Amino acid sequence: MHKALQQLALSVAFIILCPMMMWAQTDVVRYSATEYQDRGVVYYLPKSQLDIALRVVKTTVTPGEFSDYAPLLLGQKVATELTISYEIESAEVRSLGVPDENYSYLVEFKVAQPYSYVALTKNGILSGINGYSTPLQEEVASPPFAPRQEGVDPLLPREFALATSRAKKAQIAANHLFSLREDLMSLLSGKAEYAPREGEAYTLAVSRLEGQIAAVERLFVGTTMREPFTQHYKVEPEEEINYRTIARFSPVVGLLPATSREGEAITLDLKATRRAPLLSPEELAKQERKLHGIIYNLPGSATVRLQKGSRLFAEVEVPITQFGTRVSLANQIPKSKDNTFSILFDTDTGALLGINPVATPMP
């Protein structure tokens, strides 16, 4: 019944690690029965690929010009050397679908069949028949991080420019800082003479004083710049994973390769929560020969844990198509003379989303 598929044997593509940055949608492509009636359309079932996203923050502390005078003049201990540190802020684990070249099939358009068109993602994964589901996600590079610019430059008194030693300059800057703080307190308390006490002029005066105080303080305390970035790792699970090291992390160096001897290991643990019975190669081949019609996935699932030492970054249950099996849609296709139906598939798992009585036109 509706026998229209021939399995094609292709090689297995295996991707382990790849740094990525952000996500965008991939369009689906329509293949009409009229145009492809003689040659048919090849589609792939997806296999699961774990995308592990680590969001890291790089912090750069640059000492101020007079940082060594801060304890004496301001009574404040500040950084006196340039320091760079890293911190893992968060992590996310997702299961995405990529074409499984071991399981590709040919849709043959015949007059007796109700398929008016087949929709595939641009990398060949089946999205729908007479309709299409949410497109598969693909990775694209994110724009480079633009560090936030610090505030205004300090407006220092004339004596600062005439001073001939660092110690004298630091003393003048400190005195000016205290004077600015006193002016701000007078303005906020309403004791400042000839100064606005409300409205836009008051707000502007406060803002300018605060900006100058921050600018002079930077001469002593320096600047702190936080630069967030995200590193992606790809893992295709064929079997359960027992605390595999996917990367290492050092607060001084940041993320390191899994083979590095520095840093602490970031480990991935994956345990199946739903899995099809394991079959021998002979049993698997026999099962495949029984499949007719449109073939789709019944995915399994697994619990994934991502951690570094005692810190657990993520613990989620995700679909894993490699732990599932494949079934045929032949007996589920409705009989229709006018093709008024659509069949939708999940492009990440290859699972059947539904059979709808109304076809979805492609743009």
Protein backbone atom coordinates (compact mmCIF):
# COMPACT_ATOMS: atom_id res chain seq x y z
CA MET A 1 0.00 0.00 0.00
CA HIS A 2 1.52 3.30 -1.21
CA LYS A 3 4.89 1.54 -1.63
CA ALA A 4 7.09 4.40 -2.79
CA LEU A 5 10.41 4.22 -1.02
CA GLN A 6 13.82 2.73 -1.68
CA GLN A 7 16.49 2.87 0.99
CA LEU A 8 19.84 4.27 -0.05
CA ALA A 9 23.02 3.23 1.77
CA LEU A 10 25.42 6.11 2.43
CA SER A 11 28.35 6.69 4.78
CA VAL A 12 28.01 7.94 8.34
CA ALA A 13 28.98 11.53 9.08
CA PHE A 14 30.25 12.08 12.61
CA ILE A 15 30.86 15.54 14.05
CA ILE A 16 32.37 15.76 17.53
CA LEU A 17 33.21 19.34 18.43
CA CYS A 18 32.63 22.66 16.74
CA PRO A 19 32.55 26.20 18.17
CA MET A 20 29.45 28.14 17.25
CA MET A 21 27.85 31.32 18.45
CA MET A 22 24.13 31.81 17.85
CA TRP A 23 21.08 30.46 16.03
CA ALA A 24 18.98 31.28 12.96
CA GLN A 25 16.29 29.52 10.96
CA THR A 26 16.81 27.48 7.79
CA ASP A 27 14.13 27.62 5.11
CA VAL A 28 12.43 24.55 3.76
CA VAL A 29 12.49 23.72 0.05
CA ARG A 30 9.50 22.45 -1.93
CA TYR A 31 9.79 19.56 -4.40
CA SER A 32 6.60 19.22 -6.42
CA ALA A 33 5.22 15.96 -7.80
CA THR A 34 4.94 17.50 -11.25
CA GLU A 35 8.59 18.53 -11.48
CA TYR A 36 10.11 15.46 -9.82
CA GLN A 37 7.75 12.70 -11.01
CA ASP A 38 10.41 10.97 -13.09
CA ARG A 39 13.34 11.11 -10.65
CA GLY A 40 11.79 11.35 -7.18
CA VAL A 41 13.21 13.16 -4.15
CA VAL A 42 15.78 11.87 -1.66
CA TYR A 43 15.32 12.82 1.99
CA TYR A 44 17.23 12.09 5.17
CA LEU A 45 16.06 11.19 8.62
CA PRO A 46 17.80 13.23 11.30
CA LYS A 47 20.04 11.94 14.04
CA SER A 48 20.50 13.73 17.34
CA GLN A 49 23.43 16.02 17.94
CA LEU A 50 23.87 17.58 21.36
CA ASP A 51 24.67 21.28 21.29
CA ILE A 52 26.39 22.30 24.52
CA ALA A 53 26.58 26.06 24.94
CA LEU A 54 28.84 27.48 27.65
CA ARG A 55 28.41 31.17 28.39
CA VAL A 56 31.67 32.55 29.73
CA VAL A 57 32.45 36.03 31.04
CA LYS A 58 35.96 37.42 30.65
CA THR A 59 36.74 40.12 33.23
CA THR A 60 39.65 42.50 32.66
CA VAL A 61 40.68 44.74 35.56
CA THR A 62 42.98 47.60 34.52
CA PRO A 63 44.59 49.53 37.39
CA GLY A 64 44.26 53.31 37.53
CA GLU A 65 47.12 55.70 36.91
CA PHE A 66 47.38 56.43 40.66
CA SER A 67 46.27 53.06 42.01
CA ASP A 68 49.32 52.80 44.27
CA TYR A 69 48.27 56.04 46.03
CA ALA A 70 44.66 54.93 46.67
CA PRO A 71 45.29 53.39 50.13
CA LEU A 72 47.04 56.55 51.36
CA LEU A 73 44.88 59.25 49.76
CA LEU A 74 41.47 57.54 49.59
CA GLY A 75 41.80 54.92 52.32
CA GLN A 76 40.86 52.33 49.74
CA LYS A 77 42.70 49.21 48.56
CA VAL A 78 42.48 48.71 44.79
CA ALA A 79 44.04 46.56 42.11
CA THR A 80 47.55 47.67 41.16
CA GLU A 81 48.21 45.16 38.36
CA LEU A 82 46.37 44.18 35.18
CA THR A 83 44.35 41.02 35.85
CA ILE A 84 42.26 38.87 33.52
CA SER A 85 39.90 36.23 34.85
CA TYR A 86 37.17 33.97 33.46
CA GLU A 87 33.93 32.64 34.88
CA ILE A 88 31.34 30.22 33.48
CA GLU A 89 28.10 32.12 33.92
CA SER A 90 25.66 29.52 32.60
CA ALA A 91 25.31 26.48 30.35
CA GLU A 92 22.62 25.04 28.10
CA VAL A 93 22.23 21.60 26.49
CA ARG A 94 19.95 21.09 23.48
CA SER A 95 19.29 18.19 21.13
CA LEU A 96 19.32 19.20 17.47
CA GLY A 97 18.83 17.16 14.31
CA VAL A 98 21.45 16.70 11.59
CA PRO A 99 21.09 14.53 8.48
CA ASP A 100 21.81 10.85 9.13
CA GLU A 101 23.38 9.65 5.90
CA ASN A 102 22.86 6.05 7.02
CA TYR A 103 19.13 6.53 6.61
CA SER A 104 18.22 8.26 3.39
CA TYR A 105 15.14 7.41 1.34
CA LEU A 106 13.67 8.14 -2.07
CA VAL A 107 10.14 9.42 -2.52
CA GLU A 108 8.85 8.29 -5.92
CA PHE A 109 5.94 10.31 -7.21
CA LYS A 110 3.30 8.15 -8.89
CA VAL A 111 -0.17 8.96 -10.12
CA ALA A 112 -1.73 6.61 -7.54
CA GLN A 113 -0.05 8.39 -4.69
CA PRO A 114 -1.53 11.47 -3.02
CA TYR A 115 1.73 13.43 -2.59
CA SER A 116 1.49 16.80 -4.32
CA TYR A 117 4.78 18.04 -2.91
CA VAL A 118 7.48 17.11 -0.38
CA ALA A 119 9.11 19.78 1.83
CA LEU A 120 12.73 19.33 2.93
CA THR A 121 15.11 21.51 4.88
CA LYS A 122 18.06 22.82 2.91
CA ASN A 123 20.20 19.97 4.24
CA GLY A 124 17.68 17.38 3.09
CA ILE A 125 15.72 16.47 6.25
CA LEU A 126 12.05 15.66 5.71
CA SER A 127 9.84 18.48 6.98
CA GLY A 128 6.46 17.55 5.57
CA ILE A 129 4.20 16.28 2.80
CA ASN A 130 1.73 18.82 1.44
CA GLY A 131 2.93 20.98 4.35
CA TYR A 132 6.01 21.83 6.38
CA SER A 133 6.98 22.08 10.03
CA THR A 134 9.20 24.51 11.93
CA PRO A 135 12.52 24.63 10.05
CA LEU A 136 15.68 23.10 11.47
CA GLN A 137 17.97 25.46 13.34
CA GLU A 138 21.43 26.16 12.04
CA GLU A 139 24.41 27.93 13.51
CA VAL A 140 25.66 31.29 12.30
CA ALA A 141 28.50 33.42 13.60
CA SER A 142 27.52 36.16 16.02
CA PRO A 143 28.80 39.74 15.62
CA PRO A 144 31.95 40.51 17.58
CA PHE A 145 31.47 41.80 21.12
CA ALA A 146 31.80 45.56 21.39
CA PRO A 147 33.14 46.53 24.82
CA ARG A 148 31.17 49.25 26.57
CA GLN A 149 33.01 52.56 26.46
CA GLU A 150 33.82 54.14 29.80
CA GLY A 151 32.38 57.54 30.75
CA VAL A 152 33.69 61.05 30.23
CA ASP A 153 37.28 62.12 30.80
CA PRO A 154 38.02 63.81 34.12
CA LEU A 155 38.09 67.61 34.16
CA LEU A 156 40.94 68.35 36.55
CA PRO A 157 42.11 71.74 37.93
CA ARG A 158 44.97 73.68 36.36
CA GLU A 159 47.36 72.67 39.17
CA PHE A 160 47.16 69.06 38.02
CA ALA A 161 48.73 69.88 34.65
CA LEU A 162 51.47 71.98 36.27
CA ALA A 163 52.45 69.34 38.85
CA THR A 164 55.84 67.76 38.14
CA SER A 165 55.56 64.52 40.13
CA ARG A 166 53.10 61.61 40.25
CA ALA A 167 52.68 62.04 43.97
CA LYS A 168 51.66 65.68 43.55
CA LYS A 169 49.29 64.84 40.69
CA ALA A 170 47.70 62.08 42.78
CA GLN A 171 47.23 64.50 45.72
CA ILE A 172 45.57 67.11 43.50
CA ALA A 173 43.30 64.49 41.92
CA ALA A 174 42.28 63.15 45.33
CA ASN A 175 41.50 66.65 46.64
CA HIS A 176 39.45 67.35 43.52
CA LEU A 177 37.55 64.07 44.02
CA PHE A 178 36.59 64.99 47.59
CA SER A 179 35.52 68.42 46.41
CA LEU A 180 33.27 66.91 43.73
CA ARG A 181 31.71 64.55 46.29
CA GLU A 182 30.97 67.49 48.58
CA ASP A 183 29.37 69.41 45.70
CA LEU A 184 27.16 66.41 44.94
CA MET A 185 26.09 66.08 48.56
CA SER A 186 25.23 69.79 48.68
CA LEU A 187 23.20 69.49 45.48
CA LEU A 188 21.31 66.43 46.66
CA SER A 189 20.58 67.94 50.07
CA GLY A 190 19.39 71.22 48.57
CA LYS A 191 22.09 73.25 50.32
CA ALA A 192 23.96 74.24 47.17
CA GLU A 193 23.65 77.94 46.34
CA TYR A 194 22.64 79.12 42.88
CA ALA A 195 21.92 75.50 41.84
CA PRO A 196 18.68 74.06 40.42
CA ARG A 197 16.64 72.05 42.89
CA GLU A 198 14.25 70.26 40.56
CA GLY A 199 13.41 69.64 36.94
CA GLU A 200 15.64 68.77 33.98
CA ALA A 201 18.35 71.24 34.99
CA TYR A 202 18.65 69.56 38.41
CA THR A 203 18.80 66.08 36.85
CA LEU A 204 21.45 67.22 34.36
CA ALA A 205 23.57 68.80 37.11
CA VAL A 206 23.46 65.61 39.20
CA SER A 207 24.32 63.47 36.18
CA ARG A 208 27.31 65.62 35.26
CA LEU A 209 28.67 65.62 38.81
CA GLU A 210 28.29 61.85 39.06
CA GLY A 211 30.07 61.45 35.73
CA GLN A 212 33.01 63.57 36.86
CA ILE A 213 33.26 61.73 40.18
CA ALA A 214 33.38 58.40 38.35
CA ALA A 215 36.00 59.75 35.92
CA VAL A 216 38.32 60.93 38.72
CA GLU A 217 37.78 57.70 40.69
CA ARG A 218 38.99 55.73 37.64
CA LEU A 219 42.39 57.40 38.04
CA PHE A 220 42.69 55.44 41.31
CA VAL A 221 40.45 52.36 41.11
CA GLY A 222 40.96 51.72 37.38
CA THR A 223 38.40 50.04 35.13
CA THR A 224 36.66 46.68 35.05
CA MET A 225 35.47 45.34 31.70
CA ARG A 226 33.19 42.29 31.40
CA GLU A 227 33.09 40.58 28.01
CA PRO A 228 30.56 37.73 27.69
CA PHE A 229 30.90 35.12 24.94
CA THR A 230 29.43 31.70 24.19
CA GLN A 231 31.35 28.60 23.15
CA HIS A 232 29.49 25.68 21.55
CA TYR A 233 30.49 22.02 21.57
CA LYS A 234 28.89 19.29 19.45
CA VAL A 235 28.51 15.67 20.53
CA GLU A 236 26.69 12.90 18.65
CA PRO A 237 25.81 10.15 21.12
CA GLU A 238 25.80 6.64 19.69
CA GLU A 239 25.77 5.01 23.13
CA GLU A 240 25.45 6.16 26.72
CA ILE A 241 28.21 8.53 27.86
CA ASN A 242 29.84 8.16 31.26
CA TYR A 243 31.24 11.52 32.38
CA ARG A 244 33.15 12.32 29.19
CA THR A 245 35.41 15.37 29.37
CA ILE A 246 34.32 17.78 26.64
CA ALA A 247 36.51 20.70 27.75
CA ARG A 248 38.52 21.99 30.68
CA PHE A 249 38.25 25.31 32.44
CA SER A 250 40.69 27.56 34.25
CA PRO A 251 39.66 30.88 35.85
CA VAL A 252 42.98 32.29 34.65
CA VAL A 253 43.05 30.95 31.07
CA GLY A 254 39.37 30.23 30.38
CA LEU A 255 38.12 27.31 28.31
CA LEU A 256 40.72 24.73 27.27
CA PRO A 257 40.68 21.62 25.06
CA ALA A 258 39.57 18.37 26.67
CA THR A 259 43.12 17.01 26.27
CA SER A 260 44.73 19.88 28.18
CA ARG A 261 46.49 19.19 31.47
CA GLU A 262 45.44 22.55 32.88
CA GLY A 263 42.16 23.50 34.50
CA GLU A 264 39.26 21.44 35.80
CA ALA A 265 37.31 18.99 33.65
CA ILE A 266 33.83 19.85 32.34
CA THR A 267 32.10 16.50 31.99
CA LEU A 268 29.08 15.22 30.08
CA ASP A 269 27.04 12.30 31.39
CA LEU A 270 24.23 10.80 29.28
CA LYS A 271 21.95 7.97 30.39
CA ALA A 272 19.09 6.54 28.30
CA THR A 273 15.59 6.97 29.75
CA ARG A 274 13.69 5.50 26.78
CA ARG A 275 15.34 3.14 24.32
CA ALA A 276 14.22 0.71 21.64
CA PRO A 277 15.32 -2.94 22.04
CA LEU A 278 18.83 -3.54 20.75
CA LEU A 279 18.88 -5.58 17.53
CA SER A 280 21.59 -7.58 15.85
CA PRO A 281 22.68 -6.46 12.35
CA GLU A 282 20.61 -9.29 10.85
CA GLU A 283 17.51 -8.34 12.84
CA LEU A 284 17.99 -4.67 11.96
CA ALA A 285 18.25 -5.47 8.24
CA LYS A 286 15.10 -7.61 8.44
CA GLN A 287 13.22 -4.79 10.16
CA GLU A 288 14.30 -2.29 7.53
CA ARG A 289 13.03 -4.52 4.72
CA LYS A 290 9.57 -4.44 6.25
CA LEU A 291 9.34 -0.66 6.10
CA HIS A 292 7.16 0.74 3.31
CA GLY A 293 5.71 4.16 2.59
CA ILE A 294 7.08 7.27 4.25
CA ILE A 295 9.57 6.24 6.95
CA TYR A 296 10.06 8.35 10.07
CA ASN A 297 11.71 8.12 13.50
CA LEU A 298 10.40 7.05 16.87
CA PRO A 299 13.12 8.73 18.96
CA GLY A 300 14.33 7.56 22.34
CA SER A 301 15.38 9.91 25.11
CA ALA A 302 18.14 10.42 27.64
CA THR A 303 18.99 12.46 30.72
CA VAL A 304 22.02 14.68 30.20
CA ARG A 305 24.11 16.11 33.03
CA LEU A 306 26.78 18.74 32.50
CA GLN A 307 29.03 19.60 35.43
CA LYS A 308 32.43 20.81 36.62
CA GLY A 309 33.46 19.21 39.86
CA SER A 310 30.55 19.62 42.27
CA ARG A 311 28.91 22.38 40.24
CA LEU A 312 25.99 21.12 38.13
CA PHE A 313 25.45 23.37 35.12
CA ALA A 314 22.54 21.53 33.51
CA GLU A 315 20.42 18.41 33.95
CA VAL A 316 17.82 17.92 31.20
CA GLU A 317 15.99 15.14 29.40
CA VAL A 318 16.37 15.38 25.63
CA PRO A 319 15.24 13.29 22.63
CA ILE A 320 17.91 11.00 21.15
CA THR A 321 16.98 9.48 17.79
CA GLN A 322 19.92 7.04 17.97
CA PHE A 323 18.17 5.35 20.92
CA GLY A 324 14.92 4.92 19.00
CA THR A 325 13.78 3.12 15.87
CA ARG A 326 12.14 3.74 12.48
CA VAL A 327 8.56 3.00 11.48
CA SER A 328 6.44 3.29 8.35
CA LEU A 329 3.62 5.72 7.67
CA ALA A 330 2.08 3.62 4.86
CA ASN A 331 -1.02 2.47 6.72
CA GLN A 332 -1.70 5.89 8.23
CA ILE A 333 -1.95 7.97 5.04
CA PRO A 334 -5.59 8.98 4.46
CA LYS A 335 -7.27 8.20 1.18
CA SER A 336 -7.82 11.44 -0.66
CA LYS A 337 -8.72 12.31 -4.24
CA ASP A 338 -7.92 16.00 -4.04
CA ASN A 339 -4.76 15.86 -1.84
CA THR A 340 -6.44 17.83 0.94
CA PHE A 341 -4.18 16.68 3.74
CA SER A 342 -0.73 17.39 5.09
CA ILE A 343 1.78 15.35 7.10
CA LEU A 344 4.26 17.18 9.33
CA PHE A 345 7.51 15.90 10.82
CA ASP A 346 9.83 17.23 13.50
CA THR A 347 13.02 18.20 11.68
CA ASP A 348 15.13 17.78 14.83
CA THR A 349 13.95 14.25 15.73
CA GLY A 350 12.29 12.94 12.56
CA ALA A 351 9.17 12.12 14.60
CA LEU A 352 5.64 12.40 13.20
CA LEU A 353 4.00 15.62 14.39
CA GLY A 354 0.59 14.94 12.90
CA ILE A 355 -1.62 14.28 9.91
CA ASN A 356 -3.90 17.21 9.13
CA PRO A 357 -7.00 17.17 6.91
CA VAL A 358 -6.00 20.40 5.14
CA ALA A 359 -2.93 20.85 2.95
CA THR A 360 -0.58 23.80 3.62
CA PRO A 361 0.41 25.72 0.47
CA MET A 362 4.07 26.51 0.03
CA PRO A 363 4.94 30.17 -0.71
